[in-house]
C-alpha atoms as a PDB file:
ATOM      1  CA  MET A   1       0.000   0.000   0.000  1.00  0.00           C
ATOM      2  CA  PRO A   2       1.167   3.610  -0.579  1.00  0.00           C
ATOM      3  CA  THR A   3       2.937   5.446   2.253  1.00  0.00           C
ATOM      4  CA  PHE A   4      -0.046   7.751   2.770  1.00  0.00           C
ATOM      5  CA  THR A   5      -1.903   4.834   4.379  1.00  0.00           C
ATOM      6  CA  ASP A   6       0.422   5.215   7.384  1.00  0.00           C
ATOM      7  CA  LEU A   7      -1.431   8.456   8.143  1.00  0.00           C
ATOM      8  CA  PRO A   8      -4.676   8.399  10.182  1.00  0.00           C
ATOM      9  CA  ASP A   9      -7.976   7.521   8.547  1.00  0.00           C
ATOM     10  CA  LEU A  10      -9.832  10.798   9.075  1.00  0.00           C
ATOM     11  CA  ALA A  11     -13.185   9.257   8.140  1.00  0.00           C
ATOM     12  CA  SER A  12     -13.108   6.192  10.388  1.00  0.00           C
ATOM     13  CA  ALA A  13     -16.113   5.644  12.644  1.00  0.00           C
ATOM     14  CA  ARG A  14     -13.614   4.929  15.425  1.00  0.00           C
ATOM     15  CA  VAL A  15     -12.633   8.612  15.484  1.00  0.00           C
ATOM     16  CA  GLY A  16     -16.144   9.985  14.945  1.00  0.00           C
ATOM     17  CA  GLY A  17     -16.565   9.750  11.184  1.00  0.00           C
ATOM     18  CA  LYS A  18     -20.180   9.550  10.057  1.00  0.00           C
ATOM     19  CA  ALA A  19     -21.974   8.791   6.798  1.00  0.00           C
ATOM     20  CA  VAL A  20     -24.411  11.709   6.686  1.00  0.00           C
ATOM     21  CA  ALA A  21     -26.392  11.096   3.506  1.00  0.00           C
ATOM     22  CA  ALA A  22     -26.561   8.969   0.364  1.00  0.00           C
ATOM     23  CA  ASN A  23     -28.848   9.136  -2.634  1.00  0.00           C
ATOM     24  CA  ASP A  24     -29.409   5.359  -2.448  1.00  0.00           C
ATOM     25  CA  GLU A  25     -28.543   2.484  -0.091  1.00  0.00           C
ATOM     26  CA  PHE A  26     -31.060  -0.106  -1.257  1.00  0.00           C
ATOM     27  CA  PHE A  27     -28.947  -3.232  -0.703  1.00  0.00           C
ATOM     28  CA  ALA A  28     -26.522  -2.149   2.045  1.00  0.00           C
ATOM     29  CA  GLY A  29     -26.250   0.874   4.339  1.00  0.00           C
ATOM     30  CA  LYS A  30     -23.814   3.749   3.994  1.00  0.00           C
ATOM     31  CA  GLU A  31     -22.631   3.388   7.624  1.00  0.00           C
ATOM     32  CA  ASN A  32     -20.710   0.249   6.658  1.00  0.00           C
ATOM     33  CA  LEU A  33     -18.250   2.341   4.646  1.00  0.00           C
ATOM     34  CA  LEU A  34     -16.538   3.626   7.799  1.00  0.00           C
ATOM     35  CA  ARG A  35     -16.380   0.499   9.935  1.00  0.00           C
ATOM     36  CA  PRO A  36     -13.092  -1.205  10.896  1.00  0.00           C
ATOM     37  CA  GLY A  37     -11.661  -4.005   8.794  1.00  0.00           C
ATOM     38  CA  ARG A  38     -12.201  -4.741   5.124  1.00  0.00           C
ATOM     39  CA  GLY A  39     -15.666  -6.211   5.465  1.00  0.00           C
ATOM     40  CA  VAL A  40     -16.785  -9.830   5.579  1.00  0.00           C
ATOM     41  CA  PHE A  41     -18.753 -12.114   3.286  1.00  0.00           C
ATOM     42  CA  ILE A  42     -21.284 -14.567   4.676  1.00  0.00           C
ATOM     43  CA  PRO A  43     -22.457 -17.116   2.073  1.00  0.00           C
ATOM     44  CA  GLY A  44     -26.165 -17.761   2.128  1.00  0.00           C
ATOM     45  CA  LYS A  45     -27.051 -14.683   4.173  1.00  0.00           C
ATOM     46  CA  PHE A  46     -29.864 -12.682   2.583  1.00  0.00           C
ATOM     47  CA  THR A  47     -32.210  -9.857   3.543  1.00  0.00           C
ATOM     48  CA  THR A  48     -35.668  -9.086   2.202  1.00  0.00           C
ATOM     49  CA  ARG A  49     -33.965  -6.927  -0.448  1.00  0.00           C
ATOM     50  CA  GLY A  50     -31.347  -9.415  -1.590  1.00  0.00           C
ATOM     51  CA  LYS A  51     -27.872 -10.640  -0.662  1.00  0.00           C
ATOM     52  CA  TRP A  52     -26.528  -9.238   2.608  1.00  0.00           C
ATOM     53  CA  MET A  53     -23.331  -7.294   1.936  1.00  0.00           C
ATOM     54  CA  ASP A  54     -20.899  -5.673   4.349  1.00  0.00           C
ATOM     55  CA  GLY A  55     -20.554  -2.344   2.588  1.00  0.00           C
ATOM     56  CA  TRP A  56     -22.556   0.393   0.895  1.00  0.00           C
ATOM     57  CA  GLU A  57     -24.463  -0.895  -2.132  1.00  0.00           C
ATOM     58  CA  THR A  58     -26.972   0.889  -4.340  1.00  0.00           C
ATOM     59  CA  ARG A  59     -29.590  -0.607  -6.650  1.00  0.00           C
ATOM     60  CA  ARG A  60     -28.956  -1.126 -10.357  1.00  0.00           C
ATOM     61  CA  ARG A  61     -29.339   2.251 -12.055  1.00  0.00           C
ATOM     62  CA  ARG A  62     -31.729   2.336 -15.000  1.00  0.00           C
ATOM     63  CA  THR A  63     -31.509   6.104 -15.645  1.00  0.00           C
ATOM     64  CA  PRO A  64     -28.605   8.476 -16.386  1.00  0.00           C
ATOM     65  CA  GLY A  65     -26.487   9.810 -13.514  1.00  0.00           C
ATOM     66  CA  HIS A  66     -24.414   8.413 -10.670  1.00  0.00           C
ATOM     67  CA  ASP A  67     -24.690   7.572  -6.962  1.00  0.00           C
ATOM     68  CA  TRP A  68     -23.062   9.431  -4.070  1.00  0.00           C
ATOM     69  CA  CYS A  69     -22.482   9.427  -0.323  1.00  0.00           C
ATOM     70  CA  VAL A  70     -21.573  12.397   1.921  1.00  0.00           C
ATOM     71  CA  ILE A  71     -19.325  11.751   4.924  1.00  0.00           C
ATOM     72  CA  ALA A  72     -18.447  13.946   7.895  1.00  0.00           C
ATOM     73  CA  LEU A  73     -14.813  13.377   8.815  1.00  0.00           C
ATOM     74  CA  GLY A  74     -14.205  12.417  12.415  1.00  0.00           C
ATOM     75  CA  MET A  75     -11.114  14.624  12.394  1.00  0.00           C
ATOM     76  CA  PRO A  76     -10.673  17.643  10.091  1.00  0.00           C
ATOM     77  CA  GLY A  77      -7.443  17.561   8.153  1.00  0.00           C
ATOM     78  CA  ARG A  78      -5.424  17.778   4.956  1.00  0.00           C
ATOM     79  CA  LEU A  79      -6.064  14.845   2.655  1.00  0.00           C
ATOM     80  CA  HIS A  80      -3.139  12.783   1.342  1.00  0.00           C
ATOM     81  CA  GLY A  81      -4.924   9.831  -0.175  1.00  0.00           C
ATOM     82  CA  VAL A  82      -8.011   7.666  -0.336  1.00  0.00           C
ATOM     83  CA  VAL A  83      -8.633   3.925  -0.466  1.00  0.00           C
ATOM     84  CA  VAL A  84     -11.849   2.765  -2.126  1.00  0.00           C
ATOM     85  CA  ASP A  85     -12.081  -0.861  -1.020  1.00  0.00           C
ATOM     86  CA  THR A  86     -14.355  -3.090  -3.089  1.00  0.00           C
ATOM     87  CA  ASN A  87     -13.624  -6.221  -1.044  1.00  0.00           C
ATOM     88  CA  HIS A  88     -16.180  -8.984  -1.819  1.00  0.00           C
ATOM     89  CA  PHE A  89     -17.808  -6.814  -4.502  1.00  0.00           C
ATOM     90  CA  ILE A  90     -16.874  -8.727  -7.636  1.00  0.00           C
ATOM     91  CA  GLY A  91     -19.781  -8.556 -10.099  1.00  0.00           C
ATOM     92  CA  ASN A  92     -21.398  -5.501  -8.552  1.00  0.00           C
ATOM     93  CA  PHE A  93     -18.640  -2.932  -7.950  1.00  0.00           C
ATOM     94  CA  PRO A  94     -18.735   0.561  -9.538  1.00  0.00           C
ATOM     95  CA  GLU A  95     -16.838   1.067 -12.752  1.00  0.00           C
ATOM     96  CA  LYS A  96     -15.393   4.406 -11.580  1.00  0.00           C
ATOM     97  CA  ALA A  97     -15.249   6.734  -8.563  1.00  0.00           C
ATOM     98  CA  ALA A  98     -14.365  10.313  -7.678  1.00  0.00           C
ATOM     99  CA  LEU A  99     -14.050  12.321  -4.460  1.00  0.00           C
ATOM    100  CA  ASP A 100     -15.057  15.871  -3.540  1.00  0.00           C
ATOM    101  CA  ALA A 101     -14.323  17.723  -0.289  1.00  0.00           C
ATOM    102  CA  THR A 102     -15.489  20.806   1.578  1.00  0.00           C
ATOM    103  CA  PHE A 103     -14.893  22.715   4.810  1.00  0.00           C
ATOM    104  CA  LEU A 104     -17.778  23.742   7.009  1.00  0.00           C
ATOM    105  CA  SER A 105     -17.124  25.294  10.422  1.00  0.00           C
ATOM    106  CA  GLY A 106     -19.234  24.351  13.424  1.00  0.00           C
ATOM    107  CA  LYS A 107     -21.765  21.541  13.392  1.00  0.00           C
ATOM    108  CA  ALA A 108     -22.966  21.299   9.801  1.00  0.00           C
ATOM    109  CA  THR A 109     -26.512  20.070   9.269  1.00  0.00           C
ATOM    110  CA  LYS A 110     -27.523  17.586   6.602  1.00  0.00           C
ATOM    111  CA  ALA A 111     -29.584  20.295   4.935  1.00  0.00           C
ATOM    112  CA  ALA A 112     -26.578  22.620   4.772  1.00  0.00           C
ATOM    113  CA  LEU A 113     -24.332  19.913   3.340  1.00  0.00           C
ATOM    114  CA  LEU A 114     -26.790  19.079   0.597  1.00  0.00           C
ATOM    115  CA  GLY A 115     -27.765  22.678  -0.049  1.00  0.00           C
ATOM    116  CA  PRO A 116     -26.671  24.873  -2.959  1.00  0.00           C
ATOM    117  CA  ARG A 117     -24.429  27.100  -0.803  1.00  0.00           C
ATOM    118  CA  THR A 118     -21.958  24.329   0.002  1.00  0.00           C
ATOM    119  CA  ARG A 119     -19.018  24.542  -2.372  1.00  0.00           C
ATOM    120  CA  TRP A 120     -17.386  21.218  -3.151  1.00  0.00           C
ATOM    121  CA  THR A 121     -13.810  20.891  -4.435  1.00  0.00           C
ATOM    122  CA  GLU A 122     -12.919  17.891  -6.561  1.00  0.00           C
ATOM    123  CA  VAL A 123      -9.828  16.398  -4.894  1.00  0.00           C
ATOM    124  CA  LEU A 124      -9.811  13.157  -6.889  1.00  0.00           C
ATOM    125  CA  ALA A 125     -10.924  13.167 -10.505  1.00  0.00           C
ATOM    126  CA  THR A 126     -12.845  10.172 -11.852  1.00  0.00           C
ATOM    127  CA  VAL A 127     -10.685   7.041 -11.682  1.00  0.00           C
ATOM    128  CA  PRO A 128     -11.312   3.396 -12.653  1.00  0.00           C
ATOM    129  CA  LEU A 129     -11.932   0.791  -9.930  1.00  0.00           C
ATOM    130  CA  ARG A 130     -11.139  -2.909  -9.676  1.00  0.00           C
ATOM    131  CA  GLY A 131     -13.454  -5.366  -7.989  1.00  0.00           C
ATOM    132  CA  GLY A 132     -12.446  -7.150  -4.793  1.00  0.00           C
ATOM    133  CA  SER A 133      -9.528  -4.747  -4.347  1.00  0.00           C
ATOM    134  CA  GLU A 134      -8.127  -1.937  -2.235  1.00  0.00           C
ATOM    135  CA  ASN A 135      -8.082   0.828  -4.836  1.00  0.00           C
ATOM    136  CA  ALA A 136      -5.582   3.397  -3.500  1.00  0.00           C
ATOM    137  CA  PHE A 137      -5.234   6.904  -4.946  1.00  0.00           C
ATOM    138  CA  GLU A 138      -2.904   9.681  -3.825  1.00  0.00           C
ATOM    139  CA  ILE A 139      -4.279  13.188  -3.276  1.00  0.00           C
ATOM    140  CA  ALA A 140      -2.162  16.355  -3.317  1.00  0.00           C
ATOM    141  CA  PRO A 141      -2.661  17.902   0.158  1.00  0.00           C
ATOM    142  CA  SER A 142      -4.027  21.433   0.169  1.00  0.00           C
ATOM    143  CA  GLU A 143      -6.415  23.115   2.591  1.00  0.00           C
ATOM    144  CA  VAL A 144      -8.185  21.584   5.565  1.00  0.00           C
ATOM    145  CA  PHE A 145     -11.469  19.759   4.900  1.00  0.00           C
ATOM    146  CA  THR A 146     -14.259  18.565   7.204  1.00  0.00           C
ATOM    147  CA  HIS A 147     -16.438  16.554   4.803  1.00  0.00           C
ATOM    148  CA  VAL A 148     -16.023  14.427   1.683  1.00  0.00           C
ATOM    149  CA  ARG A 149     -18.425  13.219  -0.990  1.00  0.00           C
ATOM    150  CA  LEU A 150     -17.786   9.878  -2.689  1.00  0.00           C
ATOM    151  CA  ARG A 151     -19.193   9.595  -6.204  1.00  0.00           C
ATOM    152  CA  ILE A 152     -19.526   6.174  -7.829  1.00  0.00           C
ATOM    153  CA  TYR A 153     -20.283   5.535 -11.518  1.00  0.00           C
ATOM    154  CA  PRO A 154     -22.871   4.507 -12.281  1.00  0.00           C
ATOM    155  CA  ASP A 155     -23.886   2.385  -9.251  1.00  0.00           C
ATOM    156  CA  GLY A 156     -22.790  -0.637  -7.230  1.00  0.00           C
ATOM    157  CA  GLY A 157     -21.097  -1.556  -3.972  1.00  0.00           C
ATOM    158  CA  VAL A 158     -18.091  -0.336  -1.984  1.00  0.00           C
ATOM    159  CA  ALA A 159     -17.038  -2.173   1.164  1.00  0.00           C
ATOM    160  CA  ARG A 160     -14.963   0.525   2.876  1.00  0.00           C
ATOM    161  CA  LEU A 161     -13.740   4.073   2.303  1.00  0.00           C
ATOM    162  CA  ARG A 162     -10.499   5.210   3.947  1.00  0.00           C
ATOM    163  CA  VAL A 163      -9.568   8.896   3.836  1.00  0.00           C
ATOM    164  CA  HIS A 164      -5.978   9.287   5.009  1.00  0.00           C
ATOM    165  CA  GLY A 165      -4.435  12.602   5.961  1.00  0.00           C
ATOM    166  CA  GLU A 166      -2.881  14.916   8.526  1.00  0.00           C
ATOM    167  CA  VAL A 167      -5.112  15.803  11.462  1.00  0.00           C
ATOM    168  CA  ASP A 168      -5.757  19.522  11.899  1.00  0.00           C
ATOM    169  CA  ALA A 169      -5.937  20.057  15.661  1.00  0.00           C
ATOM    170  CA  ARG A 170      -5.139  23.757  15.885  1.00  0.00           C
ATOM    171  CA  SER A 171      -8.221  24.539  17.967  1.00  0.00           C
ATOM    172  CA  VAL A 172      -7.258  21.876  20.529  1.00  0.00           C
ATOM    173  CA  LEU A 173      -3.595  22.841  20.666  1.00  0.00           C
ATOM    174  CA  ALA A 174      -4.433  26.509  21.122  1.00  0.00           C
ATOM    175  CA  GLY A 175      -6.148  25.826  24.462  1.00  0.00           C
ATOM    176  CA  LYS A 176      -4.493  26.493  27.810  1.00  0.00           C
ATOM    177  CA  GLY A 177      -5.405  23.261  29.580  1.00  0.00           C
ATOM    178  CA  PRO A 178      -3.651  19.886  29.442  1.00  0.00           C
ATOM    179  CA  ILE A 179      -4.428  17.509  26.586  1.00  0.00           C
ATOM    180  CA  ASP A 180      -3.544  13.956  25.618  1.00  0.00           C
ATOM    181  CA  LEU A 181      -0.419  14.634  23.584  1.00  0.00           C
ATOM    182  CA  ALA A 182      -0.520  11.091  22.181  1.00  0.00           C
ATOM    183  CA  SER A 183      -4.147  11.020  21.012  1.00  0.00           C
ATOM    184  CA  ILE A 184      -4.768  10.491  17.322  1.00  0.00           C
ATOM    185  CA  ARG A 185      -7.566  13.061  17.527  1.00  0.00           C
ATOM    186  CA  ASN A 186      -5.087  15.698  18.673  1.00  0.00           C
ATOM    187  CA  GLY A 187      -2.549  14.887  15.972  1.00  0.00           C
ATOM    188  CA  GLY A 188      -0.496  12.133  17.614  1.00  0.00           C
ATOM    189  CA  LEU A 189       0.990   9.648  15.155  1.00  0.00           C
ATOM    190  CA  VAL A 190       2.647   6.250  15.664  1.00  0.00           C
ATOM    191  CA  LEU A 191       5.709   6.237  13.417  1.00  0.00           C
ATOM    192  CA  GLY A 192       6.765   2.640  13.877  1.00  0.00           C
ATOM    193  CA  ALA A 193       6.794  -0.453  16.048  1.00  0.00           C
ATOM    194  CA  SER A 194       9.062  -3.462  16.469  1.00  0.00           C
ATOM    195  CA  ASP A 195       6.168  -5.864  15.935  1.00  0.00           C
ATOM    196  CA  MET A 196       2.372  -5.861  15.680  1.00  0.00           C
ATOM    197  CA  HIS A 197       1.562  -9.464  14.893  1.00  0.00           C
ATOM    198  CA  PHE A 198      -1.713  -9.585  16.850  1.00  0.00           C
ATOM    199  CA  GLY A 199      -2.732  -5.910  17.115  1.00  0.00           C
ATOM    200  CA  ALA A 200      -2.042  -2.758  15.079  1.00  0.00           C
ATOM    201  CA  LYS A 201       0.169   0.001  16.460  1.00  0.00           C
ATOM    202  CA  ASP A 202      -2.412   2.722  15.811  1.00  0.00           C
ATOM    203  CA  ASN A 203      -4.877   1.115  18.230  1.00  0.00           C
ATOM    204  CA  LEU A 204      -2.716   2.392  21.076  1.00  0.00           C
ATOM    205  CA  ILE A 205      -3.777   6.016  20.575  1.00  0.00           C
ATOM    206  CA  MET A 206      -7.425   5.591  19.563  1.00  0.00           C
ATOM    207  CA  PRO A 207     -10.262   7.319  21.481  1.00  0.00           C
ATOM    208  CA  GLY A 208     -11.930   5.568  24.408  1.00  0.00           C
ATOM    209  CA  ARG A 209     -11.008   2.307  26.071  1.00  0.00           C
ATOM    210  CA  SER A 210     -10.541  -0.829  23.988  1.00  0.00           C
ATOM    211  CA  VAL A 211     -13.611  -2.925  23.218  1.00  0.00           C
ATOM    212  CA  ASN A 212     -11.739  -6.252  23.199  1.00  0.00           C
ATOM    213  CA  MET A 213      -8.249  -7.737  23.033  1.00  0.00           C
ATOM    214  CA  GLY A 214      -8.062  -7.132  19.283  1.00  0.00           C
ATOM    215  CA  ASP A 215      -8.473  -3.397  19.834  1.00  0.00           C
ATOM    216  CA  GLY A 216      -4.967  -2.851  21.175  1.00  0.00           C
ATOM    217  CA  TRP A 217      -1.291  -3.142  20.235  1.00  0.00           C
ATOM    218  CA  GLU A 218      -0.051  -6.706  20.733  1.00  0.00           C
ATOM    219  CA  THR A 219       3.225  -8.307  19.681  1.00  0.00           C
ATOM    220  CA  ARG A 220       4.042 -11.977  19.111  1.00  0.00           C
ATOM    221  CA  ARG A 221       5.646 -14.095  21.852  1.00  0.00           C
ATOM    222  CA  ARG A 222       9.335 -13.220  21.979  1.00  0.00           C
ATOM    223  CA  ARG A 223      11.616 -16.302  21.928  1.00  0.00           C
ATOM    224  CA  GLY A 224      14.938 -14.492  21.976  1.00  0.00           C
ATOM    225  CA  PRO A 225      16.624 -11.600  23.799  1.00  0.00           C
ATOM    226  CA  GLY A 226      15.433  -8.018  23.647  1.00  0.00           C
ATOM    227  CA  HIS A 227      12.086  -6.290  24.010  1.00  0.00           C
ATOM    228  CA  ASP A 228       9.387  -4.688  21.883  1.00  0.00           C
ATOM    229  CA  TRP A 229       8.969  -0.954  21.329  1.00  0.00           C
ATOM    230  CA  LEU A 230       6.867   1.684  19.624  1.00  0.00           C
ATOM    231  CA  ILE A 231       7.781   5.236  18.558  1.00  0.00           C
ATOM    232  CA  LEU A 232       5.177   7.973  18.714  1.00  0.00           C
ATOM    233  CA  ARG A 233       5.257  11.525  17.408  1.00  0.00           C
ATOM    234  CA  LEU A 234       3.344  13.689  19.866  1.00  0.00           C
ATOM    235  CA  ALA A 235       0.659  16.071  18.666  1.00  0.00           C
ATOM    236  CA  THR A 236       3.001  18.957  19.424  1.00  0.00           C
ATOM    237  CA  LEU A 237       5.976  19.879  21.550  1.00  0.00           C
ATOM    238  CA  GLY A 238       4.766  19.453  25.107  1.00  0.00           C
ATOM    239  CA  ARG A 239       5.563  18.837  28.747  1.00  0.00           C
ATOM    240  CA  VAL A 240       4.444  15.531  30.216  1.00  0.00           C
ATOM    241  CA  GLU A 241       2.371  15.676  33.410  1.00  0.00           C
ATOM    242  CA  ARG A 242       0.832  12.192  33.640  1.00  0.00           C
ATOM    243  CA  ILE A 243       1.077   8.871  31.849  1.00  0.00           C
ATOM    244  CA  GLU A 244      -1.629   6.228  31.516  1.00  0.00           C
ATOM    245  CA  VAL A 245      -0.836   2.679  30.394  1.00  0.00           C
ATOM    246  CA  ASP A 246      -4.024   0.652  29.940  1.00  0.00           C
ATOM    247  CA  THR A 247      -3.830  -3.149  29.677  1.00  0.00           C
ATOM    248  CA  ASN A 248      -7.613  -3.505  29.344  1.00  0.00           C
ATOM    249  CA  HIS A 249      -8.560  -7.058  28.166  1.00  0.00           C
ATOM    250  CA  PHE A 250      -4.940  -8.244  28.294  1.00  0.00           C
ATOM    251  CA  LYS A 251      -5.038 -10.763  31.131  1.00  0.00           C
ATOM    252  CA  GLY A 252      -2.603 -13.537  30.251  1.00  0.00           C
ATOM    253  CA  ASN A 253      -0.534 -11.658  27.716  1.00  0.00           C
ATOM    254  CA  TYR A 254       0.209  -8.206  29.191  1.00  0.00           C
ATOM    255  CA  PRO A 255       3.866  -7.029  29.354  1.00  0.00           C
ATOM    256  CA  GLU A 256       5.766  -7.655  32.574  1.00  0.00           C
ATOM    257  CA  SER A 257       6.882  -4.018  32.646  1.00  0.00           C
ATOM    258  CA  CYS A 258       7.401  -0.904  30.539  1.00  0.00           C
ATOM    259  CA  THR A 259       9.535   2.220  30.203  1.00  0.00           C
ATOM    260  CA  LEU A 260       9.006   5.517  28.387  1.00  0.00           C
ATOM    261  CA  GLU A 261      11.659   7.712  26.792  1.00  0.00           C
ATOM    262  CA  GLY A 262      11.388  11.095  25.130  1.00  0.00           C
ATOM    263  CA  CYS A 263      13.358  13.288  22.763  1.00  0.00           C
ATOM    264  CA  ARG A 264      13.080  16.594  20.955  1.00  0.00           C
ATOM    265  CA  ALA A 265      13.609  16.344  17.226  1.00  0.00           C
ATOM    266  CA  ALA A 266      12.314  17.532  13.858  1.00  0.00           C
ATOM    267  CA  ALA A 267      12.042  13.986  12.551  1.00  0.00           C
ATOM    268  CA  GLY A 268       9.167  12.951  10.324  1.00  0.00           C
ATOM    269  CA  ALA A 269       9.885   9.218  10.270  1.00  0.00           C
ATOM    270  CA  ALA A 270      11.080   6.611  12.763  1.00  0.00           C
ATOM    271  CA  ASP A 271      14.340   6.099  10.836  1.00  0.00           C
ATOM    272  CA  ASP A 272      15.183   9.780  11.313  1.00  0.00           C
ATOM    273  CA  LEU A 273      15.404   9.220  15.080  1.00  0.00           C
ATOM    274  CA  GLU A 274      18.262   6.704  15.007  1.00  0.00           C
ATOM    275  CA  GLY A 275      20.724   9.285  16.328  1.00  0.00           C
ATOM    276  CA  ALA A 276      18.290  11.004  18.702  1.00  0.00           C
ATOM    277  CA  SER A 277      19.218  11.656  22.320  1.00  0.00           C
ATOM    278  CA  TRP A 278      16.548   9.847  24.358  1.00  0.00           C
ATOM    279  CA  LYS A 279      15.807  10.831  27.958  1.00  0.00           C
ATOM    280  CA  GLU A 280      14.063   8.597  30.469  1.00  0.00           C
ATOM    281  CA  ILE A 281      10.537   9.801  31.226  1.00  0.00           C
ATOM    282  CA  LEU A 282       9.373   6.705  33.069  1.00  0.00           C
ATOM    283  CA  PRO A 283      11.758   4.167  34.635  1.00  0.00           C
ATOM    284  CA  ARG A 284      11.026   0.480  34.270  1.00  0.00           C
ATOM    285  CA  THR A 285       7.641  -0.040  35.902  1.00  0.00           C
ATOM    286  CA  LYS A 286       5.793  -3.295  36.549  1.00  0.00           C
ATOM    287  CA  LEU A 287       2.419  -3.708  34.872  1.00  0.00           C
ATOM    288  CA  GLY A 288      -0.652  -5.695  35.849  1.00  0.00           C
ATOM    289  CA  PRO A 289      -3.386  -7.374  33.803  1.00  0.00           C
ATOM    290  CA  HIS A 290      -6.600  -5.746  32.609  1.00  0.00           C
ATOM    291  CA  ARG A 291      -6.166  -2.409  34.362  1.00  0.00           C
ATOM    292  CA  ARG A 292      -5.352   1.274  33.965  1.00  0.00           C
ATOM    293  CA  HIS A 293      -1.965   2.346  35.348  1.00  0.00           C
ATOM    294  CA  PHE A 294      -1.678   6.052  36.186  1.00  0.00           C
ATOM    295  CA  LEU A 295       1.991   7.006  36.427  1.00  0.00           C
ATOM    296  CA  LYS A 296       4.008  10.138  37.174  1.00  0.00           C
ATOM    297  CA  PRO A 297       6.869  11.087  34.854  1.00  0.00           C
ATOM    298  CA  ALA A 298      10.436  11.339  36.130  1.00  0.00           C
ATOM    299  CA  ALA A 299      11.142  13.983  33.468  1.00  0.00           C
ATOM    300  CA  ALA A 300       8.679  16.427  31.947  1.00  0.00           C
ATOM    301  CA  GLY A 301      10.497  17.540  28.814  1.00  0.00           C
ATOM    302  CA  PRO A 302       9.414  19.266  26.633  1.00  0.00           C
ATOM    303  CA  PHE A 303       9.408  16.440  24.081  1.00  0.00           C
ATOM    304  CA  THR A 304       8.264  15.979  20.491  1.00  0.00           C
ATOM    305  CA  HIS A 305       8.569  12.167  20.365  1.00  0.00           C
ATOM    306  CA  VAL A 306       8.376   9.282  22.810  1.00  0.00           C
ATOM    307  CA  ARG A 307       9.549   5.681  22.671  1.00  0.00           C
ATOM    308  CA  PHE A 308       7.359   3.226  24.564  1.00  0.00           C
ATOM    309  CA  ASN A 309       9.207   0.031  25.513  1.00  0.00           C
ATOM    310  CA  ILE A 310       7.485  -3.134  26.763  1.00  0.00           C
ATOM    311  CA  TYR A 311       9.299  -6.053  28.375  1.00  0.00           C
ATOM    312  CA  PRO A 312       9.622  -8.545  26.893  1.00  0.00           C
ATOM    313  CA  ASP A 313       6.490  -8.542  24.714  1.00  0.00           C
ATOM    314  CA  GLY A 314       2.695  -8.607  24.992  1.00  0.00           C
ATOM    315  CA  GLY A 315      -0.308  -6.354  24.600  1.00  0.00           C
ATOM    316  CA  VAL A 316      -1.288  -2.848  25.693  1.00  0.00           C
ATOM    317  CA  SER A 317      -4.653  -1.391  24.737  1.00  0.00           C
ATOM    318  CA  ARG A 318      -4.062   2.348  25.182  1.00  0.00           C
ATOM    319  CA  LEU A 319      -1.261   4.822  25.949  1.00  0.00           C
ATOM    320  CA  ARG A 320      -2.193   8.298  27.157  1.00  0.00           C
ATOM    321  CA  ILE A 321       0.401  11.036  27.623  1.00  0.00           C
ATOM    322  CA  HIS A 322      -1.282  13.947  29.318  1.00  0.00           C
ATOM    323  CA  GLY A 323       0.578  17.222  29.188  1.00  0.00           C
ATOM    324  CA  ARG A 324       0.617  20.842  28.108  1.00  0.00           C
ATOM    325  CA  PRO A 325       1.554  22.080  24.651  1.00  0.00           C
ATOM    326  CA  GLU A 326       4.540  24.374  24.615  1.00  0.00           C
ATOM    327  CA  ALA A 327       5.605  26.916  22.026  1.00  0.00           C
ATOM    328  CA  PRO A 328       8.668  25.782  20.021  1.00  0.00           C
END
């Protein structure tokens, strides 16, 4: 997949994305577009309208035109790319797709979004799609957007829509109070991890507590020396006031202990931090199963990046780094 897929999915339901309106959803609802995973296929499962499909699917069009769906991004941001996933849609996927975007301040109503005053910018011109595939398209980042409109030609089914980009959290960072410097909603970004065999690295900074063991960062069982680690770019330069390590749902596979290190750097990728000077924020601390650990830092910073080390391996559901943004 292209490198832009390493950036957050701004449209994901996990971060508040919502399918606001669609001109048609006869066979399958628009809300499915933003759910986790690639969608599943259950042979023999039907509804009163036809085959049950895990995606958004419109009826067969018998008149000119095209179908569309409007989505409110869970996090406003600059778009870098989109993935139109037609997984399990083989004989009923759209021939082509396009994407428009707009910015609306405040809480935009459905009527306002669909009204004539909303100005849409085409960010992805009409492109061909393949069935049963993750169709990835790069977008040149420009201004900040809050909503997107997916157009499909002429009709058909899409399993998932991923809208990857940089989170715009200026309103949050401008506040005077402490924030979670690690949160994906505030602009935190996991740059890399030693392993994520059982659980993705990005789960660690998602909103809310984990819903199950699969909704966390979990590494494979280590059979040799060493330990696992994860590098996180904080939302902004900030001073650390409190750390939360949540092992929710990890009962027989939580790490024995953890440490946290921080540095101040202009790096954009994990490889750029090889020569960084890391400072201990949290000394090696024992962890327990299925619980929230609230810890005080030994050093406050300010830091731009942190390295979270777990010993020797295991699973952690969430990492919160509460602190105050600081001017560079």
